[in-house]
Amino acid sequence: MAPLIREIGRRGRFDQQVILTGQHSGLAERFGPLPVRALAIDPSHQSAGEIRGSIHHALCGHFVRRRADLVLVQGDTNATSHRNNTSP
């Protein structure tokens, strides 16, 4: 997805932000100058269902506060299963 993110940034039509679920450490620095928001989710003590619920709750709250014109999702089942369920 990196080429797509770079092209969107080059065109300057969208204010870009990266949202990390917190399921994997060390990813924030891979996005260079893009603003990164890490969700406060600790997967180490949650079941898969609880992780999905935590991600859903955090993303809904984020998109209520900051409306998005475009959302690109890349990730595992937990992260991508709520791609269409976060619209207020």
PDB file of N, CA and C in Angstrom:
ATOM      1  N   MET A   1       0.809  -1.192   0.000  1.00  0.00           N
ATOM      2  CA  MET A   1       0.000   0.000   0.000  1.00  0.00           C
ATOM      3  C   MET A   1       0.860   1.267   0.000  1.00  0.00           C
ATOM      4  N   ALA A   2       2.140   1.148   0.277  1.00  0.00           N
ATOM      5  CA  ALA A   2       3.012   2.325   0.341  1.00  0.00           C
ATOM      6  C   ALA A   2       2.984   3.172  -0.934  1.00  0.00           C
ATOM      7  N   PRO A   3       3.028   2.574  -2.138  1.00  0.00           N
ATOM      8  CA  PRO A   3       2.962   3.414  -3.348  1.00  0.00           C
ATOM      9  C   PRO A   3       1.661   4.220  -3.428  1.00  0.00           C
ATOM     10  N   LEU A   4       0.570   3.626  -3.026  1.00  0.00           N
ATOM     11  CA  LEU A   4      -0.713   4.321  -3.039  1.00  0.00           C
ATOM     12  C   LEU A   4      -0.717   5.481  -2.047  1.00  0.00           C
ATOM     13  N   ILE A   5      -0.204   5.254  -0.853  1.00  0.00           N
ATOM     14  CA  ILE A   5      -0.128   6.312   0.159  1.00  0.00           C
ATOM     15  C   ILE A   5       0.747   7.462  -0.344  1.00  0.00           C
ATOM     16  N   ARG A   6       1.883   7.144  -0.961  1.00  0.00           N
ATOM     17  CA  ARG A   6       2.762   8.189  -1.502  1.00  0.00           C
ATOM     18  C   ARG A   6       2.070   8.988  -2.605  1.00  0.00           C
ATOM     19  N   GLU A   7       1.350   8.302  -3.488  1.00  0.00           N
ATOM     20  CA  GLU A   7       0.663   8.993  -4.590  1.00  0.00           C
ATOM     21  C   GLU A   7      -0.452   9.896  -4.061  1.00  0.00           C
ATOM     22  N   ILE A   8      -1.197   9.433  -3.097  1.00  0.00           N
ATOM     23  CA  ILE A   8      -2.242  10.273  -2.501  1.00  0.00           C
ATOM     24  C   ILE A   8      -1.610  11.520  -1.882  1.00  0.00           C
ATOM     25  N   GLY A   9      -0.499  11.346  -1.182  1.00  0.00           N
ATOM     26  CA  GLY A   9       0.199  12.479  -0.601  1.00  0.00           C
ATOM     27  C   GLY A   9       0.732  13.436  -1.656  1.00  0.00           C
ATOM     28  N   ARG A  10       1.238  12.901  -2.747  1.00  0.00           N
ATOM     29  CA  ARG A  10       1.774  13.731  -3.831  1.00  0.00           C
ATOM     30  C   ARG A  10       0.698  14.613  -4.444  1.00  0.00           C
ATOM     31  N   ARG A  11      -0.508  14.073  -4.567  1.00  0.00           N
ATOM     32  CA  ARG A  11      -1.606  14.832  -5.172  1.00  0.00           C
ATOM     33  C   ARG A  11      -2.165  15.895  -4.230  1.00  0.00           C
ATOM     34  N   GLY A  12      -1.971  15.730  -2.928  1.00  0.00           N
ATOM     35  CA  GLY A  12      -2.355  16.756  -1.974  1.00  0.00           C
ATOM     36  C   GLY A  12      -3.838  16.994  -1.795  1.00  0.00           C
ATOM     37  N   ARG A  13      -4.673  16.042  -2.138  1.00  0.00           N
ATOM     38  CA  ARG A  13      -6.126  16.236  -2.021  1.00  0.00           C
ATOM     39  C   ARG A  13      -6.677  15.821  -0.670  1.00  0.00           C
ATOM     40  N   PHE A  14      -5.922  15.060   0.093  1.00  0.00           N
ATOM     41  CA  PHE A  14      -6.402  14.545   1.366  1.00  0.00           C
ATOM     42  C   PHE A  14      -5.398  14.835   2.474  1.00  0.00           C
ATOM     43  N   ASP A  15      -5.908  15.086   3.657  1.00  0.00           N
ATOM     44  CA  ASP A  15      -5.088  15.207   4.851  1.00  0.00           C
ATOM     45  C   ASP A  15      -4.886  13.788   5.362  1.00  0.00           C
ATOM     46  N   GLN A  16      -3.676  13.277   5.262  1.00  0.00           N
ATOM     47  CA  GLN A  16      -3.420  11.877   5.588  1.00  0.00           C
ATOM     48  C   GLN A  16      -3.088  11.683   7.063  1.00  0.00           C
ATOM     49  N   GLN A  17      -3.556  10.560   7.583  1.00  0.00           N
ATOM     50  CA  GLN A  17      -3.219  10.130   8.934  1.00  0.00           C
ATOM     51  C   GLN A  17      -3.208   8.613   8.953  1.00  0.00           C
ATOM     52  N   VAL A  18      -2.237   8.051   9.628  1.00  0.00           N
ATOM     53  CA  VAL A  18      -2.130   6.604   9.782  1.00  0.00           C
ATOM     54  C   VAL A  18      -2.673   6.250  11.161  1.00  0.00           C
ATOM     55  N   ILE A  19      -3.542   5.246  11.222  1.00  0.00           N
ATOM     56  CA  ILE A  19      -4.072   4.769  12.494  1.00  0.00           C
ATOM     57  C   ILE A  19      -3.594   3.339  12.687  1.00  0.00           C
ATOM     58  N   LEU A  20      -2.905   3.112  13.783  1.00  0.00           N
ATOM     59  CA  LEU A  20      -2.404   1.782  14.107  1.00  0.00           C
ATOM     60  C   LEU A  20      -3.260   1.185  15.220  1.00  0.00           C
ATOM     61  N   THR A  21      -3.584  -0.087  15.092  1.00  0.00           N
ATOM     62  CA  THR A  21      -4.439  -0.736  16.092  1.00  0.00           C
ATOM     63  C   THR A  21      -3.694  -1.087  17.358  1.00  0.00           C
ATOM     64  N   GLY A  22      -2.383  -1.161  17.299  1.00  0.00           N
ATOM     65  CA  GLY A  22      -1.612  -1.532  18.478  1.00  0.00           C
ATOM     66  C   GLY A  22      -1.357  -3.026  18.592  1.00  0.00           C
ATOM     67  N   GLN A  23      -1.776  -3.778  17.591  1.00  0.00           N
ATOM     68  CA  GLN A  23      -1.577  -5.227  17.630  1.00  0.00           C
ATOM     69  C   GLN A  23      -0.137  -5.624  17.332  1.00  0.00           C
ATOM     70  N   HIS A  24       0.598  -4.731  16.676  1.00  0.00           N
ATOM     71  CA  HIS A  24       1.987  -5.026  16.319  1.00  0.00           C
ATOM     72  C   HIS A  24       2.836  -3.818  16.692  1.00  0.00           C
ATOM     73  N   SER A  25       3.936  -4.041  17.357  1.00  0.00           N
ATOM     74  CA  SER A  25       4.783  -2.926  17.780  1.00  0.00           C
ATOM     75  C   SER A  25       5.791  -2.567  16.693  1.00  0.00           C
ATOM     76  N   GLY A  26       6.291  -1.343  16.760  1.00  0.00           N
ATOM     77  CA  GLY A  26       7.349  -0.913  15.867  1.00  0.00           C
ATOM     78  C   GLY A  26       6.928  -0.471  14.486  1.00  0.00           C
ATOM     79  N   LEU A  27       5.651  -0.252  14.246  1.00  0.00           N
ATOM     80  CA  LEU A  27       5.216   0.134  12.904  1.00  0.00           C
ATOM     81  C   LEU A  27       5.203   1.639  12.678  1.00  0.00           C
ATOM     82  N   ALA A  28       5.058   2.428  13.725  1.00  0.00           N
ATOM     83  CA  ALA A  28       4.876   3.874  13.580  1.00  0.00           C
ATOM     84  C   ALA A  28       6.002   4.526  12.788  1.00  0.00           C
ATOM     85  N   GLU A  29       7.234   4.126  13.051  1.00  0.00           N
ATOM     86  CA  GLU A  29       8.358   4.771  12.380  1.00  0.00           C
ATOM     87  C   GLU A  29       8.445   4.447  10.888  1.00  0.00           C
ATOM     88  N   ARG A  30       7.715   3.489  10.427  1.00  0.00           N
ATOM     89  CA  ARG A  30       7.745   3.116   9.006  1.00  0.00           C
ATOM     90  C   ARG A  30       6.983   4.100   8.110  1.00  0.00           C
ATOM     91  N   PHE A  31       6.213   5.003   8.711  1.00  0.00           N
ATOM     92  CA  PHE A  31       5.370   5.893   7.921  1.00  0.00           C
ATOM     93  C   PHE A  31       5.974   7.274   7.723  1.00  0.00           C
ATOM     94  N   GLY A  32       7.222   7.445   8.104  1.00  0.00           N
ATOM     95  CA  GLY A  32       7.934   8.690   7.843  1.00  0.00           C
ATOM     96  C   GLY A  32       7.234   9.907   8.399  1.00  0.00           C
ATOM     97  N   PRO A  33       7.016  10.913   7.553  1.00  0.00           N
ATOM     98  CA  PRO A  33       6.467  12.176   8.049  1.00  0.00           C
ATOM     99  C   PRO A  33       4.951  12.168   8.286  1.00  0.00           C
ATOM    100  N   LEU A  34       4.266  11.105   7.945  1.00  0.00           N
ATOM    101  CA  LEU A  34       2.813  11.081   8.143  1.00  0.00           C
ATOM    102  C   LEU A  34       2.469  11.066   9.626  1.00  0.00           C
ATOM    103  N   PRO A  35       1.417  11.801  10.007  1.00  0.00           N
ATOM    104  CA  PRO A  35       0.977  11.723  11.402  1.00  0.00           C
ATOM    105  C   PRO A  35       0.437  10.323  11.714  1.00  0.00           C
ATOM    106  N   VAL A  36       0.844   9.783  12.831  1.00  0.00           N
ATOM    107  CA  VAL A  36       0.431   8.439  13.231  1.00  0.00           C
ATOM    108  C   VAL A  36      -0.340   8.528  14.529  1.00  0.00           C
ATOM    109  N   ARG A  37      -1.491   7.872  14.561  1.00  0.00           N
ATOM    110  CA  ARG A  37      -2.281   7.762  15.787  1.00  0.00           C
ATOM    111  C   ARG A  37      -2.367   6.287  16.132  1.00  0.00           C
ATOM    112  N   ALA A  38      -1.904   5.956  17.309  1.00  0.00           N
ATOM    113  CA  ALA A  38      -1.978   4.566  17.768  1.00  0.00           C
ATOM    114  C   ALA A  38      -3.176   4.428  18.695  1.00  0.00           C
ATOM    115  N   LEU A  39      -4.036   3.476  18.406  1.00  0.00           N
ATOM    116  CA  LEU A  39      -5.186   3.218  19.260  1.00  0.00           C
ATOM    117  C   LEU A  39      -4.697   2.590  20.560  1.00  0.00           C
ATOM    118  N   ALA A  40      -5.338   2.911  21.637  1.00  0.00           N
ATOM    119  CA  ALA A  40      -4.937   2.397  22.957  1.00  0.00           C
ATOM    120  C   ALA A  40      -5.527   1.010  23.181  1.00  0.00           C
ATOM    121  N   ILE A  41      -5.059   0.053  22.415  1.00  0.00           N
ATOM    122  CA  ILE A  41      -5.563  -1.312  22.500  1.00  0.00           C
ATOM    123  C   ILE A  41      -4.414  -2.229  22.902  1.00  0.00           C
ATOM    124  N   ASP A  42      -4.634  -3.013  23.939  1.00  0.00           N
ATOM    125  CA  ASP A  42      -3.630  -3.967  24.394  1.00  0.00           C
ATOM    126  C   ASP A  42      -4.139  -5.372  24.098  1.00  0.00           C
ATOM    127  N   PRO A  43      -3.665  -5.972  23.004  1.00  0.00           N
ATOM    128  CA  PRO A  43      -4.179  -7.283  22.620  1.00  0.00           C
ATOM    129  C   PRO A  43      -3.672  -8.433  23.483  1.00  0.00           C
ATOM    130  N   SER A  44      -2.711  -8.177  24.353  1.00  0.00           N
ATOM    131  CA  SER A  44      -2.084  -9.273  25.085  1.00  0.00           C
ATOM    132  C   SER A  44      -3.009  -9.961  26.088  1.00  0.00           C
ATOM    133  N   HIS A  45      -4.037  -9.286  26.544  1.00  0.00           N
ATOM    134  CA  HIS A  45      -4.942  -9.878  27.529  1.00  0.00           C
ATOM    135  C   HIS A  45      -6.389  -9.900  27.041  1.00  0.00           C
ATOM    136  N   GLN A  46      -6.573 -10.000  25.714  1.00  0.00           N
ATOM    137  CA  GLN A  46      -7.919 -10.014  25.151  1.00  0.00           C
ATOM    138  C   GLN A  46      -8.069 -11.186  24.182  1.00  0.00           C
ATOM    139  N   SER A  47      -9.281 -11.699  24.102  1.00  0.00           N
ATOM    140  CA  SER A  47      -9.581 -12.718  23.096  1.00  0.00           C
ATOM    141  C   SER A  47      -9.704 -12.018  21.744  1.00  0.00           C
ATOM    142  N   ALA A  48      -9.775 -12.791  20.669  1.00  0.00           N
ATOM    143  CA  ALA A  48      -9.925 -12.215  19.333  1.00  0.00           C
ATOM    144  C   ALA A  48     -11.195 -11.374  19.240  1.00  0.00           C
ATOM    145  N   GLY A  49     -12.276 -11.857  19.825  1.00  0.00           N
ATOM    146  CA  GLY A  49     -13.532 -11.103  19.819  1.00  0.00           C
ATOM    147  C   GLY A  49     -13.423  -9.805  20.596  1.00  0.00           C
ATOM    148  N   GLU A  50     -12.734  -9.832  21.716  1.00  0.00           N
ATOM    149  CA  GLU A  50     -12.540  -8.623  22.509  1.00  0.00           C
ATOM    150  C   GLU A  50     -11.657  -7.614  21.769  1.00  0.00           C
ATOM    151  N   ILE A  51     -10.651  -8.109  21.066  1.00  0.00           N
ATOM    152  CA  ILE A  51      -9.797  -7.222  20.274  1.00  0.00           C
ATOM    153  C   ILE A  51     -10.618  -6.538  19.192  1.00  0.00           C
ATOM    154  N   ARG A  52     -11.433  -7.306  18.468  1.00  0.00           N
ATOM    155  CA  ARG A  52     -12.280  -6.715  17.427  1.00  0.00           C
ATOM    156  C   ARG A  52     -13.213  -5.677  18.023  1.00  0.00           C
ATOM    157  N   GLY A  53     -13.791  -5.958  19.175  1.00  0.00           N
ATOM    158  CA  GLY A  53     -14.675  -4.993  19.833  1.00  0.00           C
ATOM    159  C   GLY A  53     -13.932  -3.734  20.234  1.00  0.00           C
ATOM    160  N   SER A  54     -12.727  -3.879  20.748  1.00  0.00           N
ATOM    161  CA  SER A  54     -11.912  -2.723  21.137  1.00  0.00           C
ATOM    162  C   SER A  54     -11.556  -1.864  19.927  1.00  0.00           C
ATOM    163  N   ILE A  55     -11.167  -2.518  18.835  1.00  0.00           N
ATOM    164  CA  ILE A  55     -10.840  -1.786  17.609  1.00  0.00           C
ATOM    165  C   ILE A  55     -12.067  -1.054  17.098  1.00  0.00           C
ATOM    166  N   HIS A  56     -13.190  -1.734  17.054  1.00  0.00           N
ATOM    167  CA  HIS A  56     -14.432  -1.128  16.568  1.00  0.00           C
ATOM    168  C   HIS A  56     -14.786   0.108  17.405  1.00  0.00           C
ATOM    169  N   HIS A  57     -14.751  -0.030  18.714  1.00  0.00           N
ATOM    170  CA  HIS A  57     -15.090   1.080  19.608  1.00  0.00           C
ATOM    171  C   HIS A  57     -14.136   2.264  19.387  1.00  0.00           C
ATOM    172  N   ALA A  58     -12.839   1.993  19.315  1.00  0.00           N
ATOM    173  CA  ALA A  58     -11.847   3.056  19.142  1.00  0.00           C
ATOM    174  C   ALA A  58     -11.991   3.748  17.784  1.00  0.00           C
ATOM    175  N   LEU A  59     -12.212   2.973  16.721  1.00  0.00           N
ATOM    176  CA  LEU A  59     -12.354   3.581  15.403  1.00  0.00           C
ATOM    177  C   LEU A  59     -13.634   4.399  15.280  1.00  0.00           C
ATOM    178  N   CYS A  60     -14.722   3.900  15.843  1.00  0.00           N
ATOM    179  CA  CYS A  60     -15.974   4.668  15.817  1.00  0.00           C
ATOM    180  C   CYS A  60     -15.774   6.014  16.502  1.00  0.00           C
ATOM    181  N   GLY A  61     -15.153   5.997  17.665  1.00  0.00           N
ATOM    182  CA  GLY A  61     -14.886   7.241  18.378  1.00  0.00           C
ATOM    183  C   GLY A  61     -14.004   8.184  17.579  1.00  0.00           C
ATOM    184  N   HIS A  62     -12.989   7.632  16.941  1.00  0.00           N
ATOM    185  CA  HIS A  62     -12.082   8.460  16.139  1.00  0.00           C
ATOM    186  C   HIS A  62     -12.820   9.122  14.980  1.00  0.00           C
ATOM    187  N   PHE A  63     -13.621   8.344  14.247  1.00  0.00           N
ATOM    188  CA  PHE A  63     -14.284   8.894  13.069  1.00  0.00           C
ATOM    189  C   PHE A  63     -15.475   9.775  13.410  1.00  0.00           C
ATOM    190  N   VAL A  64     -15.995   9.693  14.598  1.00  0.00           N
ATOM    191  CA  VAL A  64     -17.016  10.654  15.040  1.00  0.00           C
ATOM    192  C   VAL A  64     -16.350  12.019  15.247  1.00  0.00           C
ATOM    193  N   ARG A  65     -15.149  12.000  15.822  1.00  0.00           N
ATOM    194  CA  ARG A  65     -14.420  13.245  16.082  1.00  0.00           C
ATOM    195  C   ARG A  65     -13.752  13.810  14.828  1.00  0.00           C
ATOM    196  N   ARG A  66     -13.373  12.958  13.914  1.00  0.00           N
ATOM    197  CA  ARG A  66     -12.645  13.398  12.722  1.00  0.00           C
ATOM    198  C   ARG A  66     -13.210  12.681  11.499  1.00  0.00           C
ATOM    199  N   ARG A  67     -14.083  13.356  10.783  1.00  0.00           N
ATOM    200  CA  ARG A  67     -14.723  12.754   9.614  1.00  0.00           C
ATOM    201  C   ARG A  67     -13.685  12.498   8.527  1.00  0.00           C
ATOM    202  N   ALA A  68     -13.786  11.352   7.896  1.00  0.00           N
ATOM    203  CA  ALA A  68     -12.842  10.977   6.839  1.00  0.00           C
ATOM    204  C   ALA A  68     -13.542  10.989   5.487  1.00  0.00           C
ATOM    205  N   ASP A  69     -12.869  11.525   4.495  1.00  0.00           N
ATOM    206  CA  ASP A  69     -13.377  11.471   3.123  1.00  0.00           C
ATOM    207  C   ASP A  69     -12.962  10.190   2.428  1.00  0.00           C
ATOM    208  N   LEU A  70     -11.887   9.592   2.906  1.00  0.00           N
ATOM    209  CA  LEU A  70     -11.372   8.361   2.318  1.00  0.00           C
ATOM    210  C   LEU A  70     -10.702   7.551   3.409  1.00  0.00           C
ATOM    211  N   VAL A  71     -10.990   6.257   3.445  1.00  0.00           N
ATOM    212  CA  VAL A  71     -10.356   5.368   4.414  1.00  0.00           C
ATOM    213  C   VAL A  71      -9.802   4.172   3.653  1.00  0.00           C
ATOM    214  N   LEU A  72      -8.510   3.938   3.792  1.00  0.00           N
ATOM    215  CA  LEU A  72      -7.859   2.764   3.214  1.00  0.00           C
ATOM    216  C   LEU A  72      -7.497   1.845   4.369  1.00  0.00           C
ATOM    217  N   VAL A  73      -7.794   0.574   4.223  1.00  0.00           N
ATOM    218  CA  VAL A  73      -7.543  -0.367   5.308  1.00  0.00           C
ATOM    219  C   VAL A  73      -6.628  -1.475   4.814  1.00  0.00           C
ATOM    220  N   GLN A  74      -5.560  -1.684   5.549  1.00  0.00           N
ATOM    221  CA  GLN A  74      -4.688  -2.818   5.279  1.00  0.00           C
ATOM    222  C   GLN A  74      -4.411  -3.478   6.612  1.00  0.00           C
ATOM    223  N   GLY A  75      -4.602  -4.751   6.673  1.00  0.00           N
ATOM    224  CA  GLY A  75      -4.317  -5.421   7.929  1.00  0.00           C
ATOM    225  C   GLY A  75      -4.904  -6.805   7.977  1.00  0.00           C
ATOM    226  N   ASP A  76      -4.922  -7.322   9.177  1.00  0.00           N
ATOM    227  CA  ASP A  76      -5.441  -8.667   9.396  1.00  0.00           C
ATOM    228  C   ASP A  76      -6.954  -8.628   9.588  1.00  0.00           C
ATOM    229  N   THR A  77      -7.525  -9.755   9.893  1.00  0.00           N
ATOM    230  CA  THR A  77      -8.974  -9.866  10.040  1.00  0.00           C
ATOM    231  C   THR A  77      -9.516  -8.933  11.109  1.00  0.00           C
ATOM    232  N   ASN A  78      -8.834  -8.818  12.244  1.00  0.00           N
ATOM    233  CA  ASN A  78      -9.328  -7.953  13.313  1.00  0.00           C
ATOM    234  C   ASN A  78      -9.422  -6.502  12.863  1.00  0.00           C
ATOM    235  N   ALA A  79      -8.426  -6.019  12.151  1.00  0.00           N
ATOM    236  CA  ALA A  79      -8.401  -4.625  11.726  1.00  0.00           C
ATOM    237  C   ALA A  79      -9.369  -4.354  10.584  1.00  0.00           C
ATOM    238  N   THR A  80      -9.472  -5.275   9.645  1.00  0.00           N
ATOM    239  CA  THR A  80     -10.259  -5.002   8.440  1.00  0.00           C
ATOM    240  C   THR A  80     -11.736  -5.384   8.570  1.00  0.00           C
ATOM    241  N   SER A  81     -12.096  -6.156   9.559  1.00  0.00           N
ATOM    242  CA  SER A  81     -13.485  -6.615   9.668  1.00  0.00           C
ATOM    243  C   SER A  81     -14.455  -5.488   9.977  1.00  0.00           C
ATOM    244  N   HIS A  82     -13.961  -4.354  10.423  1.00  0.00           N
ATOM    245  CA  HIS A  82     -14.846  -3.245  10.760  1.00  0.00           C
ATOM    246  C   HIS A  82     -14.715  -2.082   9.800  1.00  0.00           C
ATOM    247  N   ARG A  83     -14.174  -2.308   8.631  1.00  0.00           N
ATOM    248  CA  ARG A  83     -13.949  -1.222   7.683  1.00  0.00           C
ATOM    249  C   ARG A  83     -15.243  -0.542   7.259  1.00  0.00           C
ATOM    250  N   ASN A  84     -16.349  -1.260   7.195  1.00  0.00           N
ATOM    251  CA  ASN A  84     -17.616  -0.673   6.772  1.00  0.00           C
ATOM    252  C   ASN A  84     -18.532  -0.383   7.962  1.00  0.00           C
ATOM    253  N   ASN A  85     -18.076  -0.638   9.156  1.00  0.00           N
ATOM    254  CA  ASN A  85     -18.943  -0.480  10.313  1.00  0.00           C
ATOM    255  C   ASN A  85     -18.592   0.708  11.174  1.00  0.00           C
ATOM    256  N   THR A  86     -17.780   1.637  10.704  1.00  0.00           N
ATOM    257  CA  THR A  86     -17.361   2.750  11.540  1.00  0.00           C
ATOM    258  C   THR A  86     -18.032   4.055  11.147  1.00  0.00           C
ATOM    259  N   SER A  87     -18.895   4.045  10.158  1.00  0.00           N
ATOM    260  CA  SER A  87     -19.567   5.284   9.759  1.00  0.00           C
ATOM    261  C   SER A  87     -20.625   5.655  10.765  1.00  0.00           C
ATOM    262  N   PRO A  88     -20.605   6.933  11.213  1.00  0.00           N
ATOM    263  CA  PRO A  88     -21.641   7.373  12.174  1.00  0.00           C
ATOM    264  C   PRO A  88     -22.995   7.474  11.518  1.00  0.00           C
TER     265      PRO A  88
END
